[in-house]
C-alpha atoms as a PDB file:
ATOM      1  CA  UNK A   1      28.643  23.935 -18.550  1.00  0.00           C
ATOM      2  CA  UNK A   2      26.045  21.171 -18.750  1.00  0.00           C
ATOM      3  CA  UNK A   3      22.407  21.041 -17.590  1.00  0.00           C
ATOM      4  CA  UNK A   4      23.506  18.611 -14.616  1.00  0.00           C
ATOM      5  CA  UNK A   5      26.108  19.874 -12.607  1.00  0.00           C
ATOM      6  CA  UNK A   6      27.698  17.394 -10.046  1.00  0.00           C
ATOM      7  CA  UNK A   7      27.764  20.406  -7.403  1.00  0.00           C
ATOM      8  CA  UNK A   8      24.347  20.971  -7.488  1.00  0.00           C
ATOM      9  CA  UNK A   9      23.464  17.591  -5.565  1.00  0.00           C
ATOM     10  CA  UNK A  10      25.042  18.838  -2.490  1.00  0.00           C
ATOM     11  CA  UNK A  11      22.999  22.068  -2.559  1.00  0.00           C
ATOM     12  CA  UNK A  12      19.647  20.217  -2.622  1.00  0.00           C
ATOM     13  CA  UNK A  13      19.201  21.826   0.953  1.00  0.00           C
ATOM     14  CA  UNK A  14      18.762  25.159  -0.749  1.00  0.00           C
ATOM     15  CA  UNK A  15      15.482  24.221  -1.647  1.00  0.00           C
ATOM     16  CA  UNK A  16      14.094  24.882   1.673  1.00  0.00           C
ATOM     17  CA  UNK A  17      14.807  28.160   1.660  1.00  0.00           C
ATOM     18  CA  UNK A  18      11.574  29.684   0.826  1.00  0.00           C
ATOM     19  CA  UNK A  19       9.504  26.819   2.261  1.00  0.00           C
ATOM     20  CA  UNK A  20      11.498  24.792   4.750  1.00  0.00           C
ATOM     21  CA  UNK A  21       8.374  23.277   6.614  1.00  0.00           C
ATOM     22  CA  UNK A  22       7.735  21.736   3.050  1.00  0.00           C
ATOM     23  CA  UNK A  23      11.138  20.565   2.480  1.00  0.00           C
ATOM     24  CA  UNK A  24      11.393  19.219   5.665  1.00  0.00           C
ATOM     25  CA  UNK A  25       8.061  17.303   5.090  1.00  0.00           C
ATOM     26  CA  UNK A  26       9.531  15.764   2.311  1.00  0.00           C
ATOM     27  CA  UNK A  27      12.815  14.731   3.924  1.00  0.00           C
ATOM     28  CA  UNK A  28      10.795  13.089   6.284  1.00  0.00           C
ATOM     29  CA  UNK A  29       8.491  11.298   3.917  1.00  0.00           C
ATOM     30  CA  UNK A  30      12.209  10.439   1.732  1.00  0.00           C
ATOM     31  CA  UNK A  31      14.061   8.835   4.573  1.00  0.00           C
ATOM     32  CA  UNK A  32      10.683   7.147   5.822  1.00  0.00           C
ATOM     33  CA  UNK A  33      10.368   5.520   2.479  1.00  0.00           C
ATOM     34  CA  UNK A  34      14.047   4.430   2.679  1.00  0.00           C
ATOM     35  CA  UNK A  35      13.903   2.736   5.853  1.00  0.00           C
ATOM     36  CA  UNK A  36      14.176  -1.030   6.856  1.00  0.00           C
ATOM     37  CA  UNK A  37      10.503  -2.297   6.813  1.00  0.00           C
ATOM     38  CA  UNK A  38       8.584  -5.046   5.089  1.00  0.00           C
ATOM     39  CA  UNK A  39      11.683  -4.810   2.345  1.00  0.00           C
ATOM     40  CA  UNK A  40      15.198  -4.261   3.161  1.00  0.00           C
ATOM     41  CA  UNK A  41      16.896  -1.032   2.834  1.00  0.00           C
ATOM     42  CA  UNK A  42      19.069  -3.158   0.167  1.00  0.00           C
ATOM     43  CA  UNK A  43      15.560  -3.832  -2.040  1.00  0.00           C
ATOM     44  CA  UNK A  44      14.564  -0.187  -1.293  1.00  0.00           C
ATOM     45  CA  UNK A  45      17.866   0.899  -3.127  1.00  0.00           C
ATOM     46  CA  UNK A  46      17.666  -0.981  -5.631  1.00  0.00           C
ATOM     47  CA  UNK A  47      14.182  -0.198  -6.614  1.00  0.00           C
ATOM     48  CA  UNK A  48      15.358   3.555  -6.176  1.00  0.00           C
ATOM     49  CA  UNK A  49      17.883   2.949  -8.214  1.00  0.00           C
ATOM     50  CA  UNK A  50      15.587   1.373 -10.905  1.00  0.00           C
ATOM     51  CA  UNK A  51      13.388   4.450 -11.027  1.00  0.00           C
ATOM     52  CA  UNK A  52      16.154   6.850 -11.194  1.00  0.00           C
ATOM     53  CA  UNK A  53      17.223   5.292 -14.208  1.00  0.00           C
ATOM     54  CA  UNK A  54      13.943   4.934 -15.167  1.00  0.00           C
ATOM     55  CA  UNK A  55      13.208   8.591 -14.780  1.00  0.00           C
ATOM     56  CA  UNK A  56      16.473   9.862 -15.797  1.00  0.00           C
ATOM     57  CA  UNK A  57      17.328  11.825 -12.940  1.00  0.00           C
ATOM     58  CA  UNK A  58      21.255  11.639 -12.906  1.00  0.00           C
ATOM     59  CA  UNK A  59      21.225  12.951  -9.152  1.00  0.00           C
ATOM     60  CA  UNK A  60      19.049   9.993  -8.025  1.00  0.00           C
ATOM     61  CA  UNK A  61      21.112   7.746 -10.053  1.00  0.00           C
ATOM     62  CA  UNK A  62      24.299   8.795  -8.498  1.00  0.00           C
ATOM     63  CA  UNK A  63      22.666   8.700  -4.899  1.00  0.00           C
ATOM     64  CA  UNK A  64      21.128   5.290  -5.510  1.00  0.00           C
ATOM     65  CA  UNK A  65      23.953   3.878  -6.890  1.00  0.00           C
ATOM     66  CA  UNK A  66      26.007   4.927  -3.718  1.00  0.00           C
ATOM     67  CA  UNK A  67      22.643   3.670  -1.279  1.00  0.00           C
ATOM     68  CA  UNK A  68      23.289   0.191  -3.302  1.00  0.00           C
ATOM     69  CA  UNK A  69      26.663  -0.401  -2.949  1.00  0.00           C
ATOM     70  CA  UNK A  70      26.732   1.017   0.737  1.00  0.00           C
ATOM     71  CA  UNK A  71      23.686  -1.589   1.576  1.00  0.00           C
ATOM     72  CA  UNK A  72      25.553  -4.876   0.004  1.00  0.00           C
ATOM     73  CA  UNK A  73      24.352  -4.660  -3.918  1.00  0.00           C
ATOM     74  CA  UNK A  74      26.806  -5.597  -6.968  1.00  0.00           C
ATOM     75  CA  UNK A  75      26.409  -4.375 -10.234  1.00  0.00           C
ATOM     76  CA  UNK A  76      25.212  -7.622 -11.377  1.00  0.00           C
ATOM     77  CA  UNK A  77      22.224  -7.084  -9.071  1.00  0.00           C
ATOM     78  CA  UNK A  78      22.145  -3.193  -9.867  1.00  0.00           C
ATOM     79  CA  UNK A  79      22.328  -4.248 -13.510  1.00  0.00           C
ATOM     80  CA  UNK A  80      19.209  -6.623 -13.683  1.00  0.00           C
ATOM     81  CA  UNK A  81      17.101  -3.810 -11.466  1.00  0.00           C
ATOM     82  CA  UNK A  82      17.958  -1.357 -14.464  1.00  0.00           C
ATOM     83  CA  UNK A  83      17.279  -3.551 -17.104  1.00  0.00           C
ATOM     84  CA  UNK A  84      13.436  -4.621 -15.649  1.00  0.00           C
ATOM     85  CA  UNK A  85      13.000  -0.963 -15.058  1.00  0.00           C
ATOM     86  CA  UNK A  86      13.855  -0.103 -18.428  1.00  0.00           C
ATOM     87  CA  UNK A  87      11.990  -3.193 -19.716  1.00  0.00           C
ATOM     88  CA  UNK A  88       9.051  -1.692 -18.472  1.00  0.00           C
ATOM     89  CA  UNK A  89       9.142   1.302 -19.626  1.00  0.00           C
ATOM     90  CA  UNK A  90       9.694   0.116 -23.000  1.00  0.00           C
ATOM     91  CA  UNK A  91       7.015  -2.028 -22.698  1.00  0.00           C
ATOM     92  CA  UNK A  92       4.540   0.512 -21.290  1.00  0.00           C
ATOM     93  CA  UNK A  93       5.591   2.777 -24.106  1.00  0.00           C
ATOM     94  CA  UNK A  94       4.899  -0.226 -27.123  1.00  0.00           C
ATOM     95  CA  UNK A  95       1.414  -0.697 -25.512  1.00  0.00           C
ATOM     96  CA  UNK A  96       0.238   2.300 -25.847  1.00  0.00           C
ATOM     97  CA  UNK A  97       0.861   1.608 -29.672  1.00  0.00           C
ATOM     98  CA  UNK A  98      -2.369  -0.008 -29.338  1.00  0.00           C
ATOM     99  CA  UNK A  99      -4.042   3.385 -29.163  1.00  0.00           C
ATOM    100  CA  UNK A 100      -2.998   3.839 -33.059  1.00  0.00           C
ATOM    101  CA  UNK A 101      -3.959   0.463 -33.791  1.00  0.00           C
ATOM    102  CA  UNK A 102      -7.461   1.837 -32.958  1.00  0.00           C
ATOM    103  CA  UNK A 103      -7.417   4.958 -34.077  1.00  0.00           C
ATOM    104  CA  UNK A 104      -6.505   3.112 -38.047  1.00  0.00           C
ATOM    105  CA  UNK A 105      -9.154   0.537 -36.915  1.00  0.00           C
ATOM    106  CA  UNK A 106     -11.720   3.601 -36.886  1.00  0.00           C
ATOM    107  CA  UNK A 107     -11.201   5.411 -39.750  1.00  0.00           C
ATOM    108  CA  UNK A 108     -10.703   2.289 -41.755  1.00  0.00           C
ATOM    109  CA  UNK A 109     -13.750   0.805 -41.311  1.00  0.00           C
END
């Protein structure tokens, strides 16, 4: 047994069981966000994959990997997107180290 089960992705629609109107609104928003607009579907799929890796959602990673491939991305492009998102996450964590410097400086004065 695993925390994440591949079969659960296919069960996502079950989230509509108790509040279907909220789930329908979510799906409409989620779908609209992926439509062609100022960004192409391919670009949006790459962004989706990068974010999915950053938030560490295995269901989203699988879905957006498939979307990237369906929209013409290759593994080099997907890997660059994942590295950029990971580097931003790492940098965002590291810059918070300045808070430690600030706390140190208050005590050391």
